[in-house]
């Protein structure tokens, strides 16, 4: 039987230094920036290539404003996607602690709201999520309508 070279978990905890590498990354969206950040932490000299501006205001990650709501993805995805999102939340916390200046981050759940005219759609959304989350460690509270809340 052939022996396979499977990586051990400890191999991922002890990253190799990349001090002598110069790396170019095409695309400065969320994944490109995260990759560049991690490689630079390991000592590589990284250059990002993108037509967007330095702040990344044309990136979907910028528009999403860092929204992390894995359960909301269940409307159009399988439970595995939500589970992977839930599992990644500690990774985000770890990443954010290494950024300067500090980034505000709280894990308090997800609140989904809707205009009163969209209450039937909100109820449909809630039923769909409830149907898909049976295997996940999350809870959905019942849909409530608050007709006394008005936006001016």
C-alpha atoms as a PDB file:
ATOM      1  CA  UNK A   1       0.000   0.000   0.000  1.00  0.00           C
ATOM      2  CA  UNK A   2       1.359   3.414  -0.967  1.00  0.00           C
ATOM      3  CA  UNK A   3       2.084   5.825   1.846  1.00  0.00           C
ATOM      4  CA  UNK A   4       0.417   9.225   1.561  1.00  0.00           C
ATOM      5  CA  UNK A   5       1.924  12.449   2.878  1.00  0.00           C
ATOM      6  CA  UNK A   6      -1.083  13.860   4.687  1.00  0.00           C
ATOM      7  CA  UNK A   7      -0.387  17.113   6.515  1.00  0.00           C
ATOM      8  CA  UNK A   8      -0.704  17.012  10.277  1.00  0.00           C
ATOM      9  CA  UNK A   9      -2.617  19.720  12.153  1.00  0.00           C
ATOM     10  CA  UNK A  10       0.649  20.987  13.700  1.00  0.00           C
ATOM     11  CA  UNK A  11       2.040  21.747  10.231  1.00  0.00           C
ATOM     12  CA  UNK A  12      -0.612  24.442   9.877  1.00  0.00           C
ATOM     13  CA  UNK A  13       0.161  25.968  13.274  1.00  0.00           C
ATOM     14  CA  UNK A  14       3.868  26.522  12.488  1.00  0.00           C
ATOM     15  CA  UNK A  15       3.982  28.553   9.275  1.00  0.00           C
ATOM     16  CA  UNK A  16       7.174  28.858   7.280  1.00  0.00           C
ATOM     17  CA  UNK A  17       8.790  32.299   7.098  1.00  0.00           C
ATOM     18  CA  UNK A  18       8.672  33.846   3.632  1.00  0.00           C
ATOM     19  CA  UNK A  19      11.223  36.643   4.115  1.00  0.00           C
ATOM     20  CA  UNK A  20      12.930  36.172   0.753  1.00  0.00           C
ATOM     21  CA  UNK A  21       9.785  36.046  -1.375  1.00  0.00           C
ATOM     22  CA  UNK A  22       8.273  38.810  -3.471  1.00  0.00           C
ATOM     23  CA  UNK A  23       4.672  37.963  -4.367  1.00  0.00           C
ATOM     24  CA  UNK A  24       2.225  39.685  -6.717  1.00  0.00           C
ATOM     25  CA  UNK A  25      -1.507  39.135  -6.247  1.00  0.00           C
ATOM     26  CA  UNK A  26      -3.965  39.937  -9.033  1.00  0.00           C
ATOM     27  CA  UNK A  27      -7.133  41.220  -7.423  1.00  0.00           C
ATOM     28  CA  UNK A  28      -7.464  43.276  -4.258  1.00  0.00           C
ATOM     29  CA  UNK A  29     -10.931  42.158  -3.241  1.00  0.00           C
ATOM     30  CA  UNK A  30     -11.542  40.521   0.089  1.00  0.00           C
ATOM     31  CA  UNK A  31      -9.658  37.296  -0.721  1.00  0.00           C
ATOM     32  CA  UNK A  32      -6.735  39.102  -2.341  1.00  0.00           C
ATOM     33  CA  UNK A  33      -6.371  41.431   0.631  1.00  0.00           C
ATOM     34  CA  UNK A  34      -6.646  38.598   3.163  1.00  0.00           C
ATOM     35  CA  UNK A  35      -4.034  36.591   1.291  1.00  0.00           C
ATOM     36  CA  UNK A  36      -1.749  39.621   1.068  1.00  0.00           C
ATOM     37  CA  UNK A  37      -2.170  40.331   4.784  1.00  0.00           C
ATOM     38  CA  UNK A  38      -1.315  36.760   5.784  1.00  0.00           C
ATOM     39  CA  UNK A  39       1.666  36.519   3.431  1.00  0.00           C
ATOM     40  CA  UNK A  40       3.021  39.830   4.709  1.00  0.00           C
ATOM     41  CA  UNK A  41       2.657  38.569   8.298  1.00  0.00           C
ATOM     42  CA  UNK A  42       4.923  35.697   7.250  1.00  0.00           C
ATOM     43  CA  UNK A  43       7.526  38.125   5.923  1.00  0.00           C
ATOM     44  CA  UNK A  44       6.817  38.160   2.181  1.00  0.00           C
ATOM     45  CA  UNK A  45       6.935  41.433   0.254  1.00  0.00           C
ATOM     46  CA  UNK A  46       3.506  41.594  -1.377  1.00  0.00           C
ATOM     47  CA  UNK A  47       2.193  43.777  -4.189  1.00  0.00           C
ATOM     48  CA  UNK A  48      -1.531  43.889  -4.952  1.00  0.00           C
ATOM     49  CA  UNK A  49      -2.663  44.618  -8.498  1.00  0.00           C
ATOM     50  CA  UNK A  50      -6.200  45.913  -8.941  1.00  0.00           C
ATOM     51  CA  UNK A  51      -7.944  48.724 -10.784  1.00  0.00           C
ATOM     52  CA  UNK A  52      -9.856  49.635  -7.613  1.00  0.00           C
ATOM     53  CA  UNK A  53      -8.572  52.376  -5.304  1.00  0.00           C
ATOM     54  CA  UNK A  54      -6.404  51.696  -2.252  1.00  0.00           C
ATOM     55  CA  UNK A  55      -9.402  51.746   0.124  1.00  0.00           C
ATOM     56  CA  UNK A  56     -11.160  49.119  -2.007  1.00  0.00           C
ATOM     57  CA  UNK A  57     -14.405  51.050  -2.271  1.00  0.00           C
ATOM     58  CA  UNK A  58     -15.312  49.177  -5.467  1.00  0.00           C
ATOM     59  CA  UNK A  59     -14.984  45.791  -3.758  1.00  0.00           C
ATOM     60  CA  UNK A  60     -18.023  43.776  -2.729  1.00  0.00           C
ATOM     61  CA  UNK A  61     -16.310  43.254   0.652  1.00  0.00           C
ATOM     62  CA  UNK A  62     -16.346  47.024   1.149  1.00  0.00           C
ATOM     63  CA  UNK A  63     -20.021  47.276   0.230  1.00  0.00           C
ATOM     64  CA  UNK A  64     -20.884  44.334   2.483  1.00  0.00           C
ATOM     65  CA  UNK A  65     -19.304  46.277   5.343  1.00  0.00           C
ATOM     66  CA  UNK A  66     -18.004  43.097   6.913  1.00  0.00           C
ATOM     67  CA  UNK A  67     -21.452  41.594   7.423  1.00  0.00           C
ATOM     68  CA  UNK A  68     -21.092  38.089   8.800  1.00  0.00           C
ATOM     69  CA  UNK A  69     -24.482  36.391   8.791  1.00  0.00           C
ATOM     70  CA  UNK A  70     -23.936  32.766   7.786  1.00  0.00           C
ATOM     71  CA  UNK A  71     -27.463  31.684   8.694  1.00  0.00           C
ATOM     72  CA  UNK A  72     -28.929  34.165   6.211  1.00  0.00           C
ATOM     73  CA  UNK A  73     -27.142  32.263   3.448  1.00  0.00           C
ATOM     74  CA  UNK A  74     -29.488  29.317   4.063  1.00  0.00           C
ATOM     75  CA  UNK A  75     -32.145  30.917   1.912  1.00  0.00           C
ATOM     76  CA  UNK A  76     -30.229  29.905  -1.207  1.00  0.00           C
ATOM     77  CA  UNK A  77     -27.543  27.522   0.096  1.00  0.00           C
ATOM     78  CA  UNK A  78     -27.231  24.162   1.777  1.00  0.00           C
ATOM     79  CA  UNK A  79     -26.679  23.897   5.564  1.00  0.00           C
ATOM     80  CA  UNK A  80     -22.995  23.102   4.964  1.00  0.00           C
ATOM     81  CA  UNK A  81     -22.459  26.707   3.768  1.00  0.00           C
ATOM     82  CA  UNK A  82     -23.978  28.116   6.964  1.00  0.00           C
ATOM     83  CA  UNK A  83     -21.949  25.664   9.070  1.00  0.00           C
ATOM     84  CA  UNK A  84     -18.715  26.706   7.337  1.00  0.00           C
ATOM     85  CA  UNK A  85     -19.647  30.341   7.966  1.00  0.00           C
ATOM     86  CA  UNK A  86     -20.324  29.646  11.636  1.00  0.00           C
ATOM     87  CA  UNK A  87     -17.034  27.749  11.915  1.00  0.00           C
ATOM     88  CA  UNK A  88     -15.149  30.669  10.351  1.00  0.00           C
ATOM     89  CA  UNK A  89     -16.327  33.278  12.876  1.00  0.00           C
ATOM     90  CA  UNK A  90     -13.452  32.528  15.311  1.00  0.00           C
ATOM     91  CA  UNK A  91     -11.030  32.951  12.387  1.00  0.00           C
ATOM     92  CA  UNK A  92     -12.463  36.436  11.739  1.00  0.00           C
ATOM     93  CA  UNK A  93     -12.058  37.318  15.416  1.00  0.00           C
ATOM     94  CA  UNK A  94      -8.440  36.179  15.305  1.00  0.00           C
ATOM     95  CA  UNK A  95      -7.759  38.167  12.133  1.00  0.00           C
ATOM     96  CA  UNK A  96      -9.399  41.341  13.429  1.00  0.00           C
ATOM     97  CA  UNK A  97      -7.302  41.260  16.611  1.00  0.00           C
ATOM     98  CA  UNK A  98      -4.175  41.481  14.432  1.00  0.00           C
ATOM     99  CA  UNK A  99      -5.307  44.572  12.505  1.00  0.00           C
ATOM    100  CA  UNK A 100      -4.429  48.147  13.368  1.00  0.00           C
ATOM    101  CA  UNK A 101      -6.352  50.222  14.168  1.00  0.00           C
ATOM    102  CA  UNK A 102      -8.692  47.916  16.122  1.00  0.00           C
ATOM    103  CA  UNK A 103     -11.863  46.837  14.308  1.00  0.00           C
ATOM    104  CA  UNK A 104     -15.171  46.707  16.178  1.00  0.00           C
ATOM    105  CA  UNK A 105     -16.625  43.184  16.172  1.00  0.00           C
ATOM    106  CA  UNK A 106     -19.363  41.601  18.281  1.00  0.00           C
ATOM    107  CA  UNK A 107     -20.982  38.191  17.966  1.00  0.00           C
ATOM    108  CA  UNK A 108     -24.562  38.782  18.979  1.00  0.00           C
ATOM    109  CA  UNK A 109     -26.465  36.830  16.344  1.00  0.00           C
ATOM    110  CA  UNK A 110     -28.276  38.057  13.274  1.00  0.00           C
ATOM    111  CA  UNK A 111     -31.341  40.255  13.225  1.00  0.00           C
ATOM    112  CA  UNK A 112     -33.389  40.153  10.057  1.00  0.00           C
ATOM    113  CA  UNK A 113     -35.944  42.911   9.645  1.00  0.00           C
ATOM    114  CA  UNK A 114     -38.474  43.752   6.978  1.00  0.00           C
ATOM    115  CA  UNK A 115     -40.846  46.529   6.035  1.00  0.00           C
ATOM    116  CA  UNK A 116     -44.391  45.791   7.207  1.00  0.00           C
ATOM    117  CA  UNK A 117     -45.482  45.253   3.596  1.00  0.00           C
ATOM    118  CA  UNK A 118     -42.873  42.475   3.347  1.00  0.00           C
ATOM    119  CA  UNK A 119     -44.146  40.532   6.381  1.00  0.00           C
ATOM    120  CA  UNK A 120     -45.332  37.575   4.236  1.00  0.00           C
ATOM    121  CA  UNK A 121     -41.855  37.364   2.635  1.00  0.00           C
ATOM    122  CA  UNK A 122     -40.248  37.492   6.093  1.00  0.00           C
ATOM    123  CA  UNK A 123     -42.491  34.639   7.246  1.00  0.00           C
ATOM    124  CA  UNK A 124     -41.551  32.608   4.130  1.00  0.00           C
ATOM    125  CA  UNK A 125     -37.872  33.321   4.794  1.00  0.00           C
ATOM    126  CA  UNK A 126     -38.232  32.202   8.422  1.00  0.00           C
ATOM    127  CA  UNK A 127     -40.018  28.960   7.471  1.00  0.00           C
ATOM    128  CA  UNK A 128     -37.349  28.173   4.873  1.00  0.00           C
ATOM    129  CA  UNK A 129     -34.525  28.743   7.346  1.00  0.00           C
ATOM    130  CA  UNK A 130     -36.263  26.722  10.060  1.00  0.00           C
ATOM    131  CA  UNK A 131     -36.582  23.825   7.630  1.00  0.00           C
ATOM    132  CA  UNK A 132     -32.835  23.883   6.846  1.00  0.00           C
ATOM    133  CA  UNK A 133     -31.314  24.465  10.301  1.00  0.00           C
ATOM    134  CA  UNK A 134     -32.310  21.288  12.096  1.00  0.00           C
ATOM    135  CA  UNK A 135     -28.702  20.028  12.032  1.00  0.00           C
ATOM    136  CA  UNK A 136     -27.121  23.372  13.000  1.00  0.00           C
ATOM    137  CA  UNK A 137     -26.518  24.735  16.529  1.00  0.00           C
ATOM    138  CA  UNK A 138     -28.739  27.782  16.007  1.00  0.00           C
ATOM    139  CA  UNK A 139     -32.250  28.901  16.849  1.00  0.00           C
ATOM    140  CA  UNK A 140     -34.712  31.061  14.968  1.00  0.00           C
ATOM    141  CA  UNK A 141     -37.104  33.139  17.015  1.00  0.00           C
ATOM    142  CA  UNK A 142     -40.671  33.449  15.773  1.00  0.00           C
ATOM    143  CA  UNK A 143     -41.502  36.189  13.305  1.00  0.00           C
ATOM    144  CA  UNK A 144     -43.000  39.170  15.054  1.00  0.00           C
ATOM    145  CA  UNK A 145     -44.663  42.173  13.555  1.00  0.00           C
ATOM    146  CA  UNK A 146     -44.334  45.515  15.245  1.00  0.00           C
ATOM    147  CA  UNK A 147     -46.884  47.771  13.563  1.00  0.00           C
ATOM    148  CA  UNK A 148     -46.125  50.532  16.084  1.00  0.00           C
ATOM    149  CA  UNK A 149     -42.636  51.099  14.617  1.00  0.00           C
ATOM    150  CA  UNK A 150     -42.668  53.761  11.923  1.00  0.00           C
ATOM    151  CA  UNK A 151     -39.814  55.202   9.873  1.00  0.00           C
ATOM    152  CA  UNK A 152     -40.005  58.821   8.815  1.00  0.00           C
END
